[in-house]
C-alpha cells in the first residue's frame, strides 16, 4: 500500500520531515565494523573505533574488544560458556548465560564484573555466530564510568551485532597497526583481534600437536606507559608468561638495542611442550615506543633451525606505524 501524505499543513510537514530523515536514521543504525573485520555493531554514544585493537574505546577506559574465530569454534565456546568456567579468568558472572538475538546468526551472553588494575569493571561477554564465522565480543566499563557508558546503552549496542563478508588475509595484514617487512619464509595463518598476527612454518592452520614452529605478533592494547629503564622487567615478565601450551620457560640470553627511536629488548630461552614434553626454543622481541609496545613471540623445536632463523628475520623487520 502506498503511503499517503496527510492534508493538514502541520501534519503534512511533520510527515515529510519523517520521511526525509528516515534514511539517515537507518544508516546511523547500521553496524560499524573495525578495519577488515567481519563482526561489527553500533557502538554506544561516545565510543569510537580503537586504534590498536579490533573494537571500540572510550576516553573513560571503557572498551569493546571483538575477536574473530572460525565457525566451528562456536559450539566449543558455548560448551565452556558458563559462570563456573569463566570464574577462573576472574570474571564473576551474574546469573547464567542467556540467548542473544543476532541479525543473521545466533548468540549467547553473560553479564557480570571483573577486577583488574585496581579497578572494578562492569563486564559483558557475548559469543555470536553468523555466516562469516564466530565472534567473541567483550565489553568492559569501569564502574567509575557507568554514567559515561551506561548499561542500557551497552545492552542496546550488543543487540545490533551484525556480520559482513570477511576481508582477504592480505587486506587484514595491510590494516595492522605495524608493518612486517620480512616474513622470513613463514606463512601467515590469520589475523586475530584485528591487531595480532599468527605465522607458522608448515601446512597446518590448526596444529593441536604443536609440531610446527610458530610466531605470534601482538601490539599493546591501547597506550601503555612503560617507565624508562623498565622495559627489561616487562619483557622478562611477558617472556616467562609464555603460552598455555609451553611450560618450564627459562631465559638463556638477553640483549638490548635501539631501532628507529624505539627500545628493543630481545630474549632467548628454552621451554617444554606441555602436551608432548619435547624440548623447545623460545625467542621474544619487544619494541617499546611512547605509545606502547610491539611483541613477537616465536616457538620452535631445537632442530627447526630454518624456522628459528625466519622468526628472527620477522622480528628484525617489525616496525610500528
C-alpha atoms as a PDB file:
ATOM      1  CA  UNK A   1       0.000   0.000   0.000  1.00  0.00           C
ATOM      2  CA  UNK A   2       1.353   3.453  -0.939  1.00  0.00           C
ATOM      3  CA  UNK A   3       1.990   5.917   1.870  1.00  0.00           C
ATOM      4  CA  UNK A   4      -0.370   8.937   1.682  1.00  0.00           C
ATOM      5  CA  UNK A   5       0.848  12.333   2.954  1.00  0.00           C
ATOM      6  CA  UNK A   6      -1.839  13.849   5.279  1.00  0.00           C
ATOM      7  CA  UNK A   7      -3.582  17.033   4.045  1.00  0.00           C
ATOM      8  CA  UNK A   8      -3.319  19.183   7.197  1.00  0.00           C
ATOM      9  CA  UNK A   9      -0.336  21.541   6.656  1.00  0.00           C
ATOM     10  CA  UNK A  10       1.393  20.923  10.013  1.00  0.00           C
ATOM     11  CA  UNK A  11       0.816  17.181   9.926  1.00  0.00           C
ATOM     12  CA  UNK A  12       1.923  17.143   6.280  1.00  0.00           C
ATOM     13  CA  UNK A  13       5.179  18.969   7.177  1.00  0.00           C
ATOM     14  CA  UNK A  14       5.901  16.566  10.048  1.00  0.00           C
ATOM     15  CA  UNK A  15       5.242  13.578   7.837  1.00  0.00           C
ATOM     16  CA  UNK A  16       7.558  14.902   5.123  1.00  0.00           C
ATOM     17  CA  UNK A  17      10.342  15.515   7.650  1.00  0.00           C
ATOM     18  CA  UNK A  18       9.895  11.983   8.990  1.00  0.00           C
ATOM     19  CA  UNK A  19      10.216  10.523   5.514  1.00  0.00           C
ATOM     20  CA  UNK A  20      13.261  12.643   4.678  1.00  0.00           C
ATOM     21  CA  UNK A  21      15.111  11.760   7.884  1.00  0.00           C
ATOM     22  CA  UNK A  22      14.197   8.049   7.921  1.00  0.00           C
ATOM     23  CA  UNK A  23      17.053   7.017   5.586  1.00  0.00           C
ATOM     24  CA  UNK A  24      19.539   8.921   7.767  1.00  0.00           C
ATOM     25  CA  UNK A  25      18.303   7.158  10.890  1.00  0.00           C
ATOM     26  CA  UNK A  26      18.519   3.795   9.145  1.00  0.00           C
ATOM     27  CA  UNK A  27      22.079   4.462   8.089  1.00  0.00           C
ATOM     28  CA  UNK A  28      23.048   5.562  11.609  1.00  0.00           C
ATOM     29  CA  UNK A  29      21.753   2.265  12.987  1.00  0.00           C
ATOM     30  CA  UNK A  30      23.927   0.133  10.723  1.00  0.00           C
ATOM     31  CA  UNK A  31      26.776  -1.764  12.431  1.00  0.00           C
ATOM     32  CA  UNK A  32      30.233  -0.205  12.417  1.00  0.00           C
ATOM     33  CA  UNK A  33      32.964  -2.699  11.529  1.00  0.00           C
ATOM     34  CA  UNK A  34      36.585  -2.429  12.690  1.00  0.00           C
ATOM     35  CA  UNK A  35      39.028  -2.341   9.787  1.00  0.00           C
ATOM     36  CA  UNK A  36      38.653  -5.518   7.690  1.00  0.00           C
ATOM     37  CA  UNK A  37      36.579  -7.219  10.406  1.00  0.00           C
ATOM     38  CA  UNK A  38      33.506  -9.326   9.655  1.00  0.00           C
ATOM     39  CA  UNK A  39      31.812  -8.733  13.047  1.00  0.00           C
ATOM     40  CA  UNK A  40      30.611  -5.267  13.988  1.00  0.00           C
ATOM     41  CA  UNK A  41      27.992  -3.354  15.974  1.00  0.00           C
ATOM     42  CA  UNK A  42      26.584   0.105  16.589  1.00  0.00           C
ATOM     43  CA  UNK A  43      28.787   1.369  19.441  1.00  0.00           C
ATOM     44  CA  UNK A  44      27.339   3.227  22.437  1.00  0.00           C
ATOM     45  CA  UNK A  45      27.433   7.033  22.168  1.00  0.00           C
ATOM     46  CA  UNK A  46      30.929   8.402  22.762  1.00  0.00           C
ATOM     47  CA  UNK A  47      32.762   5.206  21.783  1.00  0.00           C
ATOM     48  CA  UNK A  48      34.972   5.333  18.699  1.00  0.00           C
ATOM     49  CA  UNK A  49      36.884   2.720  16.679  1.00  0.00           C
ATOM     50  CA  UNK A  50      40.012   1.665  18.560  1.00  0.00           C
ATOM     51  CA  UNK A  51      43.426   2.325  17.037  1.00  0.00           C
ATOM     52  CA  UNK A  52      45.345  -0.629  18.469  1.00  0.00           C
ATOM     53  CA  UNK A  53      42.778  -3.453  18.592  1.00  0.00           C
ATOM     54  CA  UNK A  54      39.613  -4.629  16.871  1.00  0.00           C
ATOM     55  CA  UNK A  55      36.764  -2.890  18.624  1.00  0.00           C
ATOM     56  CA  UNK A  56      35.854   0.423  20.202  1.00  0.00           C
ATOM     57  CA  UNK A  57      37.179   2.574  23.022  1.00  0.00           C
ATOM     58  CA  UNK A  58      36.070   5.444  25.252  1.00  0.00           C
ATOM     59  CA  UNK A  59      38.133   8.129  26.974  1.00  0.00           C
ATOM     60  CA  UNK A  60      36.939   6.791  30.351  1.00  0.00           C
ATOM     61  CA  UNK A  61      38.730   3.480  29.808  1.00  0.00           C
ATOM     62  CA  UNK A  62      35.670   1.546  28.632  1.00  0.00           C
ATOM     63  CA  UNK A  63      36.279  -0.778  25.710  1.00  0.00           C
ATOM     64  CA  UNK A  64      34.629  -3.233  23.360  1.00  0.00           C
ATOM     65  CA  UNK A  65      37.008  -5.911  22.061  1.00  0.00           C
ATOM     66  CA  UNK A  66      35.972  -8.113  19.134  1.00  0.00           C
ATOM     67  CA  UNK A  67      37.823 -11.374  18.462  1.00  0.00           C
ATOM     68  CA  UNK A  68      37.017 -13.497  15.417  1.00  0.00           C
ATOM     69  CA  UNK A  69      37.336 -17.257  15.023  1.00  0.00           C
ATOM     70  CA  UNK A  70      36.251 -19.922  12.539  1.00  0.00           C
ATOM     71  CA  UNK A  71      32.567 -21.038  12.535  1.00  0.00           C
ATOM     72  CA  UNK A  72      33.459 -24.378  14.136  1.00  0.00           C
ATOM     73  CA  UNK A  73      34.705 -22.570  17.251  1.00  0.00           C
ATOM     74  CA  UNK A  74      31.169 -21.596  18.284  1.00  0.00           C
ATOM     75  CA  UNK A  75      29.991 -24.937  19.772  1.00  0.00           C
ATOM     76  CA  UNK A  76      33.298 -25.298  21.598  1.00  0.00           C
ATOM     77  CA  UNK A  77      32.879 -21.857  23.154  1.00  0.00           C
ATOM     78  CA  UNK A  78      29.229 -22.476  24.033  1.00  0.00           C
ATOM     79  CA  UNK A  79      30.216 -25.642  25.893  1.00  0.00           C
ATOM     80  CA  UNK A  80      32.595 -23.625  28.101  1.00  0.00           C
ATOM     81  CA  UNK A  81      30.400 -20.537  28.318  1.00  0.00           C
ATOM     82  CA  UNK A  82      29.386 -20.950  31.950  1.00  0.00           C
ATOM     83  CA  UNK A  83      29.887 -18.814  35.071  1.00  0.00           C
ATOM     84  CA  UNK A  84      31.981 -21.602  36.601  1.00  0.00           C
ATOM     85  CA  UNK A  85      34.381 -21.823  33.660  1.00  0.00           C
ATOM     86  CA  UNK A  86      34.814 -18.068  33.284  1.00  0.00           C
ATOM     87  CA  UNK A  87      35.361 -17.577  37.015  1.00  0.00           C
ATOM     88  CA  UNK A  88      38.863 -18.973  36.508  1.00  0.00           C
ATOM     89  CA  UNK A  89      39.628 -15.872  34.394  1.00  0.00           C
ATOM     90  CA  UNK A  90      38.469 -13.521  37.159  1.00  0.00           C
ATOM     91  CA  UNK A  91      35.055 -12.851  35.628  1.00  0.00           C
ATOM     92  CA  UNK A  92      32.215 -13.066  38.150  1.00  0.00           C
ATOM     93  CA  UNK A  93      29.011 -13.707  36.197  1.00  0.00           C
ATOM     94  CA  UNK A  94      25.625 -12.623  37.491  1.00  0.00           C
ATOM     95  CA  UNK A  95      23.297 -15.434  36.505  1.00  0.00           C
ATOM     96  CA  UNK A  96      23.519 -17.998  33.741  1.00  0.00           C
ATOM     97  CA  UNK A  97      24.115 -17.316  30.067  1.00  0.00           C
ATOM     98  CA  UNK A  98      21.162 -16.139  28.005  1.00  0.00           C
ATOM     99  CA  UNK A  99      20.355 -16.210  24.288  1.00  0.00           C
ATOM    100  CA  UNK A 100      21.361 -13.082  22.375  1.00  0.00           C
ATOM    101  CA  UNK A 101      19.409 -12.180  19.261  1.00  0.00           C
ATOM    102  CA  UNK A 102      21.836 -11.513  16.401  1.00  0.00           C
ATOM    103  CA  UNK A 103      20.899 -10.465  12.874  1.00  0.00           C
ATOM    104  CA  UNK A 104      21.817 -13.296  10.523  1.00  0.00           C
ATOM    105  CA  UNK A 105      23.033 -15.613  13.269  1.00  0.00           C
ATOM    106  CA  UNK A 106      22.823 -16.691  16.894  1.00  0.00           C
ATOM    107  CA  UNK A 107      24.476 -15.796  20.171  1.00  0.00           C
ATOM    108  CA  UNK A 108      24.803 -16.168  23.931  1.00  0.00           C
ATOM    109  CA  UNK A 109      25.609 -13.537  26.553  1.00  0.00           C
ATOM    110  CA  UNK A 110      26.859 -13.407  30.133  1.00  0.00           C
ATOM    111  CA  UNK A 111      26.883 -10.311  32.344  1.00  0.00           C
ATOM    112  CA  UNK A 112      28.951  -9.663  35.437  1.00  0.00           C
ATOM    113  CA  UNK A 113      32.010  -7.870  36.781  1.00  0.00           C
ATOM    114  CA  UNK A 114      35.768  -8.239  36.988  1.00  0.00           C
ATOM    115  CA  UNK A 115      38.543  -6.579  38.991  1.00  0.00           C
ATOM    116  CA  UNK A 116      41.758  -5.595  37.191  1.00  0.00           C
ATOM    117  CA  UNK A 117      44.473  -2.955  37.509  1.00  0.00           C
ATOM    118  CA  UNK A 118      42.993  -1.674  40.753  1.00  0.00           C
ATOM    119  CA  UNK A 119      39.558  -1.061  39.204  1.00  0.00           C
ATOM    120  CA  UNK A 120      36.278  -2.954  39.102  1.00  0.00           C
ATOM    121  CA  UNK A 121      34.658  -3.244  35.681  1.00  0.00           C
ATOM    122  CA  UNK A 122      31.095  -3.995  34.710  1.00  0.00           C
ATOM    123  CA  UNK A 123      31.514  -6.611  32.014  1.00  0.00           C
ATOM    124  CA  UNK A 124      29.560  -8.284  29.224  1.00  0.00           C
ATOM    125  CA  UNK A 125      30.826 -11.318  27.293  1.00  0.00           C
ATOM    126  CA  UNK A 126      28.964 -12.440  24.171  1.00  0.00           C
ATOM    127  CA  UNK A 127      29.694 -15.202  21.687  1.00  0.00           C
ATOM    128  CA  UNK A 128      27.989 -14.960  18.312  1.00  0.00           C
ATOM    129  CA  UNK A 129      27.955 -16.929  15.099  1.00  0.00           C
ATOM    130  CA  UNK A 130      26.985 -15.907  11.575  1.00  0.00           C
ATOM    131  CA  UNK A 131      27.855 -16.968   8.045  1.00  0.00           C
ATOM    132  CA  UNK A 132      31.397 -15.470   8.130  1.00  0.00           C
ATOM    133  CA  UNK A 133      32.370 -17.149  11.408  1.00  0.00           C
ATOM    134  CA  UNK A 134      32.363 -16.850  15.194  1.00  0.00           C
ATOM    135  CA  UNK A 135      32.829 -13.680  17.205  1.00  0.00           C
ATOM    136  CA  UNK A 136      33.718 -13.118  20.852  1.00  0.00           C
ATOM    137  CA  UNK A 137      32.600  -9.647  21.955  1.00  0.00           C
ATOM    138  CA  UNK A 138      33.829  -8.410  25.342  1.00  0.00           C
ATOM    139  CA  UNK A 139      32.648  -5.114  26.851  1.00  0.00           C
ATOM    140  CA  UNK A 140      34.362  -3.639  29.911  1.00  0.00           C
ATOM    141  CA  UNK A 141      33.246  -0.412  31.597  1.00  0.00           C
ATOM    142  CA  UNK A 142      34.986   0.894  34.734  1.00  0.00           C
ATOM    143  CA  UNK A 143      32.304   1.228  37.365  1.00  0.00           C
ATOM    144  CA  UNK A 144      33.544   4.793  37.860  1.00  0.00           C
ATOM    145  CA  UNK A 145      32.434   5.452  34.253  1.00  0.00           C
ATOM    146  CA  UNK A 146      28.921   3.988  34.473  1.00  0.00           C
ATOM    147  CA  UNK A 147      27.450   7.436  33.850  1.00  0.00           C
ATOM    148  CA  UNK A 148      29.530   7.952  30.704  1.00  0.00           C
ATOM    149  CA  UNK A 149      28.853   4.472  29.241  1.00  0.00           C
ATOM    150  CA  UNK A 150      25.618   3.321  30.915  1.00  0.00           C
ATOM    151  CA  UNK A 151      24.494  -0.295  30.957  1.00  0.00           C
ATOM    152  CA  UNK A 152      21.353   0.249  28.836  1.00  0.00           C
ATOM    153  CA  UNK A 153      23.494   1.786  26.076  1.00  0.00           C
ATOM    154  CA  UNK A 154      25.782  -1.261  26.120  1.00  0.00           C
ATOM    155  CA  UNK A 155      22.817  -3.639  26.031  1.00  0.00           C
ATOM    156  CA  UNK A 156      21.387  -1.733  23.060  1.00  0.00           C
ATOM    157  CA  UNK A 157      24.739  -1.912  21.255  1.00  0.00           C
ATOM    158  CA  UNK A 158      25.025  -5.668  21.730  1.00  0.00           C
ATOM    159  CA  UNK A 159      21.621  -6.117  20.125  1.00  0.00           C
ATOM    160  CA  UNK A 160      22.988  -4.527  16.935  1.00  0.00           C
ATOM    161  CA  UNK A 161      25.773  -7.058  16.315  1.00  0.00           C
ATOM    162  CA  UNK A 162      25.935  -7.937  12.636  1.00  0.00           C
ATOM    163  CA  UNK A 163      28.139  -9.683  10.103  1.00  0.00           C
ATOM    164  CA  UNK A 164      29.687  -8.987   6.723  1.00  0.00           C
ATOM    165  CA  UNK A 165      31.913 -10.944   4.341  1.00  0.00           C
ATOM    166  CA  UNK A 166      35.463 -11.172   5.703  1.00  0.00           C
ATOM    167  CA  UNK A 167      38.318  -9.255   4.087  1.00  0.00           C
ATOM    168  CA  UNK A 168      41.187 -11.129   2.482  1.00  0.00           C
ATOM    169  CA  UNK A 169      44.124 -12.054   4.685  1.00  0.00           C
ATOM    170  CA  UNK A 170      46.389  -9.703   2.744  1.00  0.00           C
ATOM    171  CA  UNK A 171      43.981  -6.803   3.336  1.00  0.00           C
ATOM    172  CA  UNK A 172      43.829  -7.640   7.042  1.00  0.00           C
ATOM    173  CA  UNK A 173      47.634  -7.650   7.261  1.00  0.00           C
ATOM    174  CA  UNK A 174      47.802  -4.331   5.422  1.00  0.00           C
ATOM    175  CA  UNK A 175      45.478  -2.803   8.047  1.00  0.00           C
ATOM    176  CA  UNK A 176      47.620  -3.856  11.052  1.00  0.00           C
ATOM    177  CA  UNK A 177      48.948  -1.048  13.278  1.00  0.00           C
ATOM    178  CA  UNK A 178      52.503  -2.192  12.432  1.00  0.00           C
ATOM    179  CA  UNK A 179      54.413  -3.414   9.389  1.00  0.00           C
ATOM    180  CA  UNK A 180      56.174  -6.716   8.760  1.00  0.00           C
ATOM    181  CA  UNK A 181      58.899  -6.127   6.202  1.00  0.00           C
ATOM    182  CA  UNK A 182      60.136  -9.730   6.001  1.00  0.00           C
ATOM    183  CA  UNK A 183      58.029 -12.840   6.622  1.00  0.00           C
ATOM    184  CA  UNK A 184      61.196 -14.905   6.949  1.00  0.00           C
ATOM    185  CA  UNK A 185      59.787 -17.738   4.868  1.00  0.00           C
ATOM    186  CA  UNK A 186      56.943 -18.219   7.351  1.00  0.00           C
ATOM    187  CA  UNK A 187      53.309 -18.451   6.264  1.00  0.00           C
ATOM    188  CA  UNK A 188      50.683 -16.038   7.616  1.00  0.00           C
ATOM    189  CA  UNK A 189      47.783 -18.044   9.055  1.00  0.00           C
ATOM    190  CA  UNK A 190      45.371 -15.435  10.411  1.00  0.00           C
ATOM    191  CA  UNK A 191      44.906 -12.009  11.909  1.00  0.00           C
ATOM    192  CA  UNK A 192      43.199 -12.156  15.300  1.00  0.00           C
ATOM    193  CA  UNK A 193      41.515  -9.421  17.352  1.00  0.00           C
ATOM    194  CA  UNK A 194      42.242  -7.047  14.486  1.00  0.00           C
ATOM    195  CA  UNK A 195      45.853  -6.474  15.542  1.00  0.00           C
ATOM    196  CA  UNK A 196      47.513  -9.844  16.214  1.00  0.00           C
ATOM    197  CA  UNK A 197      49.254 -11.890  13.523  1.00  0.00           C
ATOM    198  CA  UNK A 198      49.922 -15.634  13.604  1.00  0.00           C
ATOM    199  CA  UNK A 199      52.591 -17.126  11.335  1.00  0.00           C
ATOM    200  CA  UNK A 200      53.752 -20.716  11.050  1.00  0.00           C
ATOM    201  CA  UNK A 201      56.246 -22.927   9.260  1.00  0.00           C
ATOM    202  CA  UNK A 202      54.150 -25.755   7.833  1.00  0.00           C
ATOM    203  CA  UNK A 203      50.924 -26.589   6.016  1.00  0.00           C
ATOM    204  CA  UNK A 204      48.561 -26.806   9.016  1.00  0.00           C
ATOM    205  CA  UNK A 205      46.405 -23.844  10.017  1.00  0.00           C
ATOM    206  CA  UNK A 206      45.461 -25.685  13.210  1.00  0.00           C
ATOM    207  CA  UNK A 207      48.282 -27.651  14.844  1.00  0.00           C
ATOM    208  CA  UNK A 208      46.969 -29.328  18.019  1.00  0.00           C
ATOM    209  CA  UNK A 209      50.119 -31.458  18.343  1.00  0.00           C
ATOM    210  CA  UNK A 210      52.343 -28.366  18.258  1.00  0.00           C
ATOM    211  CA  UNK A 211      54.772 -29.809  15.708  1.00  0.00           C
ATOM    212  CA  UNK A 212      55.064 -26.649  13.588  1.00  0.00           C
ATOM    213  CA  UNK A 213      57.167 -23.636  14.504  1.00  0.00           C
ATOM    214  CA  UNK A 214      55.101 -20.503  15.055  1.00  0.00           C
ATOM    215  CA  UNK A 215      55.455 -16.788  15.586  1.00  0.00           C
ATOM    216  CA  UNK A 216      52.844 -14.531  17.194  1.00  0.00           C
ATOM    217  CA  UNK A 217      52.960 -10.749  16.828  1.00  0.00           C
ATOM    218  CA  UNK A 218      50.822  -8.638  19.184  1.00  0.00           C
ATOM    219  CA  UNK A 219      50.809  -4.914  19.999  1.00  0.00           C
ATOM    220  CA  UNK A 220      49.852  -3.495  23.380  1.00  0.00           C
ATOM    221  CA  UNK A 221      46.125  -2.921  23.909  1.00  0.00           C
ATOM    222  CA  UNK A 222      45.908   0.859  23.921  1.00  0.00           C
ATOM    223  CA  UNK A 223      48.610   3.176  25.175  1.00  0.00           C
ATOM    224  CA  UNK A 224      50.849   1.637  27.809  1.00  0.00           C
ATOM    225  CA  UNK A 225      53.237   3.852  29.745  1.00  0.00           C
ATOM    226  CA  UNK A 226      56.496   1.961  30.337  1.00  0.00           C
ATOM    227  CA  UNK A 227      58.958   3.912  32.520  1.00  0.00           C
ATOM    228  CA  UNK A 228      62.439   4.407  31.098  1.00  0.00           C
ATOM    229  CA  UNK A 229      64.572   1.517  32.237  1.00  0.00           C
ATOM    230  CA  UNK A 230      61.548  -0.667  32.953  1.00  0.00           C
ATOM    231  CA  UNK A 231      61.442  -2.292  29.520  1.00  0.00           C
ATOM    232  CA  UNK A 232      63.594  -5.258  30.505  1.00  0.00           C
ATOM    233  CA  UNK A 233      61.459  -6.192  33.519  1.00  0.00           C
ATOM    234  CA  UNK A 234      58.236  -6.052  31.458  1.00  0.00           C
ATOM    235  CA  UNK A 235      59.858  -8.089  28.661  1.00  0.00           C
ATOM    236  CA  UNK A 236      61.000 -10.799  31.088  1.00  0.00           C
ATOM    237  CA  UNK A 237      57.567 -10.944  32.714  1.00  0.00           C
ATOM    238  CA  UNK A 238      55.913 -11.409  29.301  1.00  0.00           C
ATOM    239  CA  UNK A 239      58.505 -13.969  28.255  1.00  0.00           C
ATOM    240  CA  UNK A 240      58.132 -16.136  31.345  1.00  0.00           C
ATOM    241  CA  UNK A 241      54.345 -15.978  30.919  1.00  0.00           C
ATOM    242  CA  UNK A 242      54.824 -17.621  27.530  1.00  0.00           C
ATOM    243  CA  UNK A 243      51.866 -19.511  26.135  1.00  0.00           C
ATOM    244  CA  UNK A 244      49.449 -22.005  27.753  1.00  0.00           C
ATOM    245  CA  UNK A 245      50.956 -24.763  25.589  1.00  0.00           C
ATOM    246  CA  UNK A 246      54.507 -24.364  26.910  1.00  0.00           C
ATOM    247  CA  UNK A 247      55.992 -24.884  30.377  1.00  0.00           C
ATOM    248  CA  UNK A 248      59.334 -24.622  32.178  1.00  0.00           C
ATOM    249  CA  UNK A 249      60.276 -21.409  30.382  1.00  0.00           C
ATOM    250  CA  UNK A 250      63.811 -20.238  31.211  1.00  0.00           C
ATOM    251  CA  UNK A 251      65.828 -17.264  29.957  1.00  0.00           C
ATOM    252  CA  UNK A 252      69.188 -18.105  28.386  1.00  0.00           C
ATOM    253  CA  UNK A 253      70.094 -14.792  26.772  1.00  0.00           C
ATOM    254  CA  UNK A 254      69.109 -11.119  26.697  1.00  0.00           C
ATOM    255  CA  UNK A 255      70.213  -8.095  24.697  1.00  0.00           C
ATOM    256  CA  UNK A 256      69.029  -4.521  24.321  1.00  0.00           C
ATOM    257  CA  UNK A 257      69.275  -2.112  21.393  1.00  0.00           C
ATOM    258  CA  UNK A 258      67.590   0.916  19.792  1.00  0.00           C
ATOM    259  CA  UNK A 259      65.725   0.822  16.470  1.00  0.00           C
ATOM    260  CA  UNK A 260      64.268   3.962  14.881  1.00  0.00           C
ATOM    261  CA  UNK A 261      63.953   5.582  18.294  1.00  0.00           C
ATOM    262  CA  UNK A 262      62.321   2.525  19.899  1.00  0.00           C
ATOM    263  CA  UNK A 263      63.961   0.498  22.656  1.00  0.00           C
ATOM    264  CA  UNK A 264      64.272  -3.162  21.613  1.00  0.00           C
ATOM    265  CA  UNK A 265      64.611  -5.968  24.174  1.00  0.00           C
ATOM    266  CA  UNK A 266      65.361  -9.426  22.779  1.00  0.00           C
ATOM    267  CA  UNK A 267      65.196 -12.569  24.931  1.00  0.00           C
ATOM    268  CA  UNK A 268      66.182 -16.136  24.145  1.00  0.00           C
ATOM    269  CA  UNK A 269      65.243 -19.202  26.154  1.00  0.00           C
ATOM    270  CA  UNK A 270      64.174 -22.796  26.463  1.00  0.00           C
ATOM    271  CA  UNK A 271      60.884 -24.462  27.359  1.00  0.00           C
ATOM    272  CA  UNK A 272      58.942 -27.701  27.096  1.00  0.00           C
ATOM    273  CA  UNK A 273      55.795 -28.543  25.167  1.00  0.00           C
ATOM    274  CA  UNK A 274      53.066 -29.089  27.777  1.00  0.00           C
ATOM    275  CA  UNK A 275      51.420 -31.749  25.611  1.00  0.00           C
ATOM    276  CA  UNK A 276      54.360 -33.883  24.482  1.00  0.00           C
ATOM    277  CA  UNK A 277      57.156 -32.850  26.853  1.00  0.00           C
ATOM    278  CA  UNK A 278      59.542 -32.209  23.936  1.00  0.00           C
ATOM    279  CA  UNK A 279      62.177 -29.504  24.241  1.00  0.00           C
ATOM    280  CA  UNK A 280      61.566 -26.118  22.629  1.00  0.00           C
ATOM    281  CA  UNK A 281      63.455 -22.967  21.766  1.00  0.00           C
ATOM    282  CA  UNK A 282      61.669 -19.724  22.577  1.00  0.00           C
ATOM    283  CA  UNK A 283      62.527 -16.237  21.360  1.00  0.00           C
ATOM    284  CA  UNK A 284      60.889 -12.894  22.100  1.00  0.00           C
ATOM    285  CA  UNK A 285      61.480  -9.434  20.678  1.00  0.00           C
ATOM    286  CA  UNK A 286      59.701  -6.393  22.123  1.00  0.00           C
ATOM    287  CA  UNK A 287      59.786  -2.881  20.650  1.00  0.00           C
ATOM    288  CA  UNK A 288      58.953  -0.137  23.149  1.00  0.00           C
ATOM    289  CA  UNK A 289      57.737   3.240  21.880  1.00  0.00           C
ATOM    290  CA  UNK A 290      55.958   6.151  23.547  1.00  0.00           C
ATOM    291  CA  UNK A 291      52.540   4.899  22.503  1.00  0.00           C
ATOM    292  CA  UNK A 292      53.028   1.313  23.671  1.00  0.00           C
ATOM    293  CA  UNK A 293      54.907  -1.778  22.623  1.00  0.00           C
ATOM    294  CA  UNK A 294      55.014  -4.457  19.939  1.00  0.00           C
ATOM    295  CA  UNK A 295      55.820  -8.063  20.848  1.00  0.00           C
ATOM    296  CA  UNK A 296      56.888 -11.060  18.789  1.00  0.00           C
ATOM    297  CA  UNK A 297      56.988 -14.486  20.462  1.00  0.00           C
ATOM    298  CA  UNK A 298      58.474 -17.371  18.490  1.00  0.00           C
ATOM    299  CA  UNK A 299      58.442 -21.071  19.404  1.00  0.00           C
ATOM    300  CA  UNK A 300      60.201 -23.912  17.565  1.00  0.00           C
ATOM    301  CA  UNK A 301      61.990 -27.190  18.149  1.00  0.00           C
ATOM    302  CA  UNK A 302      65.797 -27.014  18.572  1.00  0.00           C
ATOM    303  CA  UNK A 303      66.165 -28.823  15.225  1.00  0.00           C
ATOM    304  CA  UNK A 304      63.899 -26.365  13.346  1.00  0.00           C
ATOM    305  CA  UNK A 305      66.812 -24.065  12.587  1.00  0.00           C
ATOM    306  CA  UNK A 306      65.367 -22.684   9.350  1.00  0.00           C
ATOM    307  CA  UNK A 307      62.191 -21.624  11.128  1.00  0.00           C
ATOM    308  CA  UNK A 308      64.157 -20.118  14.031  1.00  0.00           C
ATOM    309  CA  UNK A 309      66.178 -18.068  11.551  1.00  0.00           C
ATOM    310  CA  UNK A 310      62.931 -16.996   9.846  1.00  0.00           C
ATOM    311  CA  UNK A 311      61.430 -15.888  13.165  1.00  0.00           C
ATOM    312  CA  UNK A 312      64.463 -13.688  13.822  1.00  0.00           C
ATOM    313  CA  UNK A 313      64.130 -12.155  10.352  1.00  0.00           C
ATOM    314  CA  UNK A 314      60.478 -11.321  11.069  1.00  0.00           C
ATOM    315  CA  UNK A 315      61.459  -9.757  14.403  1.00  0.00           C
ATOM    316  CA  UNK A 316      64.155  -7.631  12.781  1.00  0.00           C
ATOM    317  CA  UNK A 317      61.680  -6.286  10.200  1.00  0.00           C
ATOM    318  CA  UNK A 318      58.884  -5.214  12.575  1.00  0.00           C
ATOM    319  CA  UNK A 319      58.026  -1.533  12.865  1.00  0.00           C
ATOM    320  CA  UNK A 320      55.173   0.389  14.489  1.00  0.00           C
ATOM    321  CA  UNK A 321      53.242   2.642  12.114  1.00  0.00           C
END
